[in-house]
Amino acid sequence: MKPFEFHPDAEAELCAQRDYYDSKEEGLGRGFVLLVFKSIVDICTTPHAYPSKHGVQHCYMDGFPFDIVFEEFCDKIVVWAVAHTKRLPSYWRERLQ
């Protein structure tokens, strides 16, 4: 399994969404974060299992309208965005190096 890292803006998105979901229902934010990390474990284990679009791969989350946008490198996985699937498509492209 490859290690991973968040782009700083992706980590901020994760925290903001956690707080948003917790404001709607206690514990929902925790459930969101747990699902994100479960998805990241799957990504790090089998990164080639996810479709590529715009030069990066996407893991669509079940249960929440979010997409984990990531890129596989030789030594790690970089999570570029934890992106809502219905808002501002491809806003995260400016983060790609």
N, C-alpha and C. Protein backbone atom coordinates (compact mmCIF):
# COMPACT_ATOMS: atom_id res chain seq x y z
N MET A 1 0.85 -1.18 0.00
CA MET A 1 0.00 0.00 0.00
C MET A 1 0.89 1.24 0.00
N LYS A 2 0.59 2.17 -0.90
CA LYS A 2 1.37 3.41 -0.99
C LYS A 2 0.93 4.40 0.08
N PRO A 3 1.87 5.21 0.56
CA PRO A 3 1.48 6.29 1.47
C PRO A 3 0.75 7.38 0.68
N PHE A 4 0.06 8.24 1.41
CA PHE A 4 -0.66 9.34 0.75
C PHE A 4 -0.41 10.63 1.49
N GLU A 5 -0.69 11.71 0.79
CA GLU A 5 -0.69 13.03 1.43
C GLU A 5 -1.79 13.87 0.81
N PHE A 6 -2.31 14.78 1.61
CA PHE A 6 -3.30 15.73 1.14
C PHE A 6 -2.61 16.99 0.64
N HIS A 7 -3.10 17.54 -0.46
CA HIS A 7 -2.77 18.92 -0.80
C HIS A 7 -3.37 19.74 0.34
N PRO A 8 -2.72 20.81 0.78
CA PRO A 8 -3.25 21.60 1.91
C PRO A 8 -4.70 22.06 1.71
N ASP A 9 -5.06 22.43 0.48
CA ASP A 9 -6.44 22.86 0.24
C ASP A 9 -7.42 21.69 0.32
N ALA A 10 -6.98 20.50 -0.05
CA ALA A 10 -7.85 19.32 0.05
C ALA A 10 -8.10 18.98 1.52
N GLU A 11 -7.07 19.12 2.34
CA GLU A 11 -7.24 18.87 3.77
C GLU A 11 -8.20 19.90 4.38
N ALA A 12 -8.09 21.15 3.95
CA ALA A 12 -8.99 22.19 4.42
C ALA A 12 -10.43 21.90 4.00
N GLU A 13 -10.61 21.39 2.77
CA GLU A 13 -11.95 21.01 2.30
C GLU A 13 -12.55 19.92 3.18
N LEU A 14 -11.72 18.93 3.49
CA LEU A 14 -12.18 17.82 4.33
C LEU A 14 -12.66 18.35 5.68
N CYS A 15 -11.88 19.20 6.30
CA CYS A 15 -12.25 19.76 7.61
C CYS A 15 -13.51 20.62 7.52
N ALA A 16 -13.61 21.42 6.48
CA ALA A 16 -14.80 22.28 6.31
C ALA A 16 -16.05 21.44 6.12
N GLN A 17 -15.95 20.39 5.33
CA GLN A 17 -17.13 19.54 5.12
C GLN A 17 -17.49 18.77 6.39
N ARG A 18 -16.49 18.32 7.13
CA ARG A 18 -16.75 17.66 8.41
C ARG A 18 -17.54 18.60 9.32
N ASP A 19 -17.08 19.85 9.42
CA ASP A 19 -17.77 20.81 10.28
C ASP A 19 -19.19 21.09 9.79
N TYR A 20 -19.34 21.21 8.47
CA TYR A 20 -20.67 21.44 7.90
C TYR A 20 -21.61 20.28 8.25
N TYR A 21 -21.17 19.06 8.03
CA TYR A 21 -22.04 17.91 8.32
C TYR A 21 -22.33 17.79 9.81
N ASP A 22 -21.36 18.10 10.66
CA ASP A 22 -21.62 18.07 12.10
C ASP A 22 -22.63 19.13 12.51
N SER A 23 -22.65 20.26 11.79
CA SER A 23 -23.63 21.29 12.13
C SER A 23 -25.05 20.86 11.75
N LYS A 24 -25.16 19.93 10.81
CA LYS A 24 -26.46 19.43 10.37
C LYS A 24 -26.97 18.31 11.27
N GLU A 25 -26.04 17.45 11.70
CA GLU A 25 -26.41 16.32 12.55
C GLU A 25 -25.17 15.83 13.29
N GLU A 26 -25.28 15.74 14.60
CA GLU A 26 -24.14 15.31 15.41
C GLU A 26 -23.66 13.93 14.95
N GLY A 27 -22.36 13.83 14.71
CA GLY A 27 -21.75 12.56 14.29
C GLY A 27 -21.69 12.36 12.79
N LEU A 28 -22.44 13.15 12.04
CA LEU A 28 -22.44 12.99 10.59
C LEU A 28 -21.09 13.38 9.99
N GLY A 29 -20.47 14.40 10.55
CA GLY A 29 -19.14 14.81 10.08
C GLY A 29 -18.11 13.72 10.31
N ARG A 30 -18.20 13.07 11.44
CA ARG A 30 -17.28 11.95 11.73
C ARG A 30 -17.48 10.84 10.72
N GLY A 31 -18.74 10.54 10.40
CA GLY A 31 -19.04 9.52 9.40
C GLY A 31 -18.48 9.87 8.04
N PHE A 32 -18.55 11.15 7.69
CA PHE A 32 -18.00 11.63 6.43
C PHE A 32 -16.48 11.40 6.40
N VAL A 33 -15.80 11.81 7.46
CA VAL A 33 -14.34 11.66 7.52
C VAL A 33 -13.95 10.19 7.48
N LEU A 34 -14.66 9.35 8.19
CA LEU A 34 -14.36 7.92 8.17
C LEU A 34 -14.50 7.34 6.76
N LEU A 35 -15.53 7.76 6.04
CA LEU A 35 -15.72 7.28 4.68
C LEU A 35 -14.63 7.80 3.75
N VAL A 36 -14.20 9.04 3.94
CA VAL A 36 -13.10 9.57 3.14
C VAL A 36 -11.84 8.74 3.37
N PHE A 37 -11.52 8.46 4.62
CA PHE A 37 -10.30 7.69 4.90
C PHE A 37 -10.42 6.24 4.47
N LYS A 38 -11.60 5.66 4.54
CA LYS A 38 -11.79 4.31 4.01
C LYS A 38 -11.54 4.31 2.50
N SER A 39 -12.05 5.33 1.83
CA SER A 39 -11.85 5.45 0.39
C SER A 39 -10.37 5.64 0.06
N ILE A 40 -9.67 6.41 0.87
CA ILE A 40 -8.24 6.63 0.64
C ILE A 40 -7.45 5.34 0.84
N VAL A 41 -7.82 4.55 1.81
CA VAL A 41 -7.16 3.24 1.99
C VAL A 41 -7.36 2.39 0.74
N ASP A 42 -8.58 2.38 0.21
CA ASP A 42 -8.85 1.64 -1.03
C ASP A 42 -8.01 2.19 -2.19
N ILE A 43 -7.93 3.50 -2.29
CA ILE A 43 -7.13 4.14 -3.34
C ILE A 43 -5.67 3.73 -3.22
N CYS A 44 -5.12 3.79 -2.02
CA CYS A 44 -3.71 3.48 -1.81
C CYS A 44 -3.41 2.00 -2.05
N THR A 45 -4.41 1.17 -1.89
CA THR A 45 -4.24 -0.26 -2.10
C THR A 45 -4.34 -0.63 -3.57
N THR A 46 -5.31 -0.04 -4.27
CA THR A 46 -5.53 -0.37 -5.69
C THR A 46 -5.79 0.90 -6.50
N PRO A 47 -4.78 1.75 -6.66
CA PRO A 47 -5.00 3.02 -7.34
C PRO A 47 -5.43 2.89 -8.80
N HIS A 48 -5.07 1.81 -9.45
CA HIS A 48 -5.42 1.65 -10.86
C HIS A 48 -6.89 1.27 -11.07
N ALA A 49 -7.60 1.04 -10.00
CA ALA A 49 -9.00 0.63 -10.10
C ALA A 49 -9.95 1.81 -10.33
N TYR A 50 -9.42 3.03 -10.33
CA TYR A 50 -10.27 4.21 -10.41
C TYR A 50 -10.11 4.92 -11.75
N PRO A 51 -11.21 5.45 -12.28
CA PRO A 51 -11.16 6.09 -13.60
C PRO A 51 -10.33 7.38 -13.61
N SER A 52 -9.77 7.65 -14.76
CA SER A 52 -8.97 8.85 -14.96
C SER A 52 -9.78 9.86 -15.78
N LYS A 53 -9.69 11.12 -15.38
CA LYS A 53 -10.39 12.20 -16.06
C LYS A 53 -9.56 13.46 -15.85
N HIS A 54 -9.30 14.19 -16.91
CA HIS A 54 -8.51 15.42 -16.83
C HIS A 54 -7.10 15.15 -16.28
N GLY A 55 -6.56 13.97 -16.53
CA GLY A 55 -5.19 13.66 -16.12
C GLY A 55 -5.02 13.21 -14.68
N VAL A 56 -6.10 13.10 -13.94
CA VAL A 56 -6.05 12.61 -12.56
C VAL A 56 -7.15 11.55 -12.38
N GLN A 57 -7.07 10.84 -11.28
CA GLN A 57 -8.07 9.79 -11.03
C GLN A 57 -9.10 10.28 -10.02
N HIS A 58 -10.26 9.62 -10.05
CA HIS A 58 -11.39 10.02 -9.22
C HIS A 58 -11.96 8.81 -8.50
N CYS A 59 -12.23 9.00 -7.23
CA CYS A 59 -12.92 7.98 -6.43
C CYS A 59 -14.23 8.61 -5.97
N TYR A 60 -15.33 8.15 -6.52
CA TYR A 60 -16.64 8.67 -6.15
C TYR A 60 -17.11 7.98 -4.88
N MET A 61 -17.50 8.76 -3.89
CA MET A 61 -17.89 8.21 -2.60
C MET A 61 -19.37 7.84 -2.58
N ASP A 62 -19.68 6.69 -2.02
CA ASP A 62 -21.07 6.29 -1.81
C ASP A 62 -21.55 6.93 -0.51
N GLY A 63 -22.75 7.48 -0.54
CA GLY A 63 -23.33 8.05 0.67
C GLY A 63 -23.20 9.55 0.81
N PHE A 64 -22.23 10.12 0.15
CA PHE A 64 -22.03 11.57 0.16
C PHE A 64 -21.71 11.99 -1.27
N PRO A 65 -22.15 13.18 -1.68
CA PRO A 65 -21.92 13.62 -3.07
C PRO A 65 -20.51 14.21 -3.26
N PHE A 66 -19.51 13.40 -2.97
CA PHE A 66 -18.13 13.86 -3.06
C PHE A 66 -17.27 12.91 -3.87
N ASP A 67 -16.24 13.48 -4.42
CA ASP A 67 -15.29 12.82 -5.29
C ASP A 67 -13.90 13.09 -4.71
N ILE A 68 -13.13 12.05 -4.50
CA ILE A 68 -11.75 12.24 -4.08
C ILE A 68 -10.90 12.26 -5.34
N VAL A 69 -10.29 13.40 -5.60
CA VAL A 69 -9.46 13.58 -6.79
C VAL A 69 -8.01 13.33 -6.38
N PHE A 70 -7.35 12.38 -7.06
CA PHE A 70 -6.00 12.02 -6.64
C PHE A 70 -5.12 11.70 -7.83
N GLU A 71 -3.84 11.65 -7.56
CA GLU A 71 -2.86 11.30 -8.58
C GLU A 71 -1.86 10.32 -7.96
N GLU A 72 -1.53 9.30 -8.72
CA GLU A 72 -0.56 8.32 -8.27
C GLU A 72 0.83 8.70 -8.79
N PHE A 73 1.79 8.75 -7.88
CA PHE A 73 3.18 8.94 -8.23
C PHE A 73 3.93 7.66 -7.88
N CYS A 74 5.17 7.57 -8.23
CA CYS A 74 5.96 6.36 -7.97
C CYS A 74 5.99 6.00 -6.48
N ASP A 75 6.08 7.01 -5.64
CA ASP A 75 6.29 6.75 -4.22
C ASP A 75 5.11 7.10 -3.32
N LYS A 76 4.04 7.70 -3.88
CA LYS A 76 2.92 8.11 -3.03
C LYS A 76 1.69 8.44 -3.86
N ILE A 77 0.60 8.64 -3.14
CA ILE A 77 -0.66 9.13 -3.70
C ILE A 77 -0.85 10.55 -3.17
N VAL A 78 -1.20 11.47 -4.06
CA VAL A 78 -1.50 12.84 -3.63
C VAL A 78 -2.99 13.07 -3.84
N VAL A 79 -3.68 13.45 -2.77
CA VAL A 79 -5.10 13.80 -2.84
C VAL A 79 -5.17 15.29 -3.13
N TRP A 80 -5.64 15.61 -4.33
CA TRP A 80 -5.71 17.01 -4.77
C TRP A 80 -6.96 17.71 -4.28
N ALA A 81 -8.06 16.95 -4.11
CA ALA A 81 -9.32 17.60 -3.71
C ALA A 81 -10.28 16.58 -3.11
N VAL A 82 -11.08 17.06 -2.19
CA VAL A 82 -12.27 16.35 -1.71
C VAL A 82 -13.41 17.23 -2.21
N ALA A 83 -13.86 16.92 -3.42
CA ALA A 83 -14.69 17.84 -4.19
C ALA A 83 -16.16 17.43 -4.21
N HIS A 84 -17.03 18.38 -3.95
CA HIS A 84 -18.46 18.15 -4.09
C HIS A 84 -18.75 17.93 -5.57
N THR A 85 -19.54 16.93 -5.89
CA THR A 85 -19.77 16.58 -7.30
C THR A 85 -20.73 17.52 -8.01
N LYS A 86 -21.44 18.37 -7.29
CA LYS A 86 -22.43 19.25 -7.92
C LYS A 86 -22.02 20.72 -7.92
N ARG A 87 -20.84 21.02 -7.37
CA ARG A 87 -20.43 22.43 -7.27
C ARG A 87 -19.12 22.68 -7.99
N LEU A 88 -19.04 23.75 -8.72
CA LEU A 88 -17.80 24.23 -9.33
C LEU A 88 -16.93 23.10 -9.90
N PRO A 89 -17.36 22.46 -10.94
CA PRO A 89 -16.57 21.35 -11.48
C PRO A 89 -15.16 21.79 -11.88
N SER A 90 -14.22 20.97 -11.53
CA SER A 90 -12.81 21.13 -11.91
C SER A 90 -12.12 22.35 -11.33
N TYR A 91 -12.67 22.96 -10.28
CA TYR A 91 -12.02 24.10 -9.64
C TYR A 91 -10.63 23.75 -9.13
N TRP A 92 -10.41 22.49 -8.82
CA TRP A 92 -9.16 22.02 -8.21
C TRP A 92 -8.01 21.90 -9.21
N ARG A 93 -8.27 22.05 -10.50
CA ARG A 93 -7.20 21.89 -11.49
C ARG A 93 -6.01 22.80 -11.27
N GLU A 94 -6.24 23.97 -10.73
CA GLU A 94 -5.12 24.89 -10.48
C GLU A 94 -4.14 24.34 -9.45
N ARG A 95 -4.53 23.34 -8.70
CA ARG A 95 -3.65 22.74 -7.69
C ARG A 95 -2.63 21.77 -8.31
N LEU A 96 -2.90 21.29 -9.50
CA LEU A 96 -2.01 20.31 -10.11
C LEU A 96 -0.66 20.94 -10.41
N GLN A 97 0.38 20.23 -10.15
CA GLN A 97 1.73 20.77 -10.35
C GLN A 97 2.23 20.43 -11.73
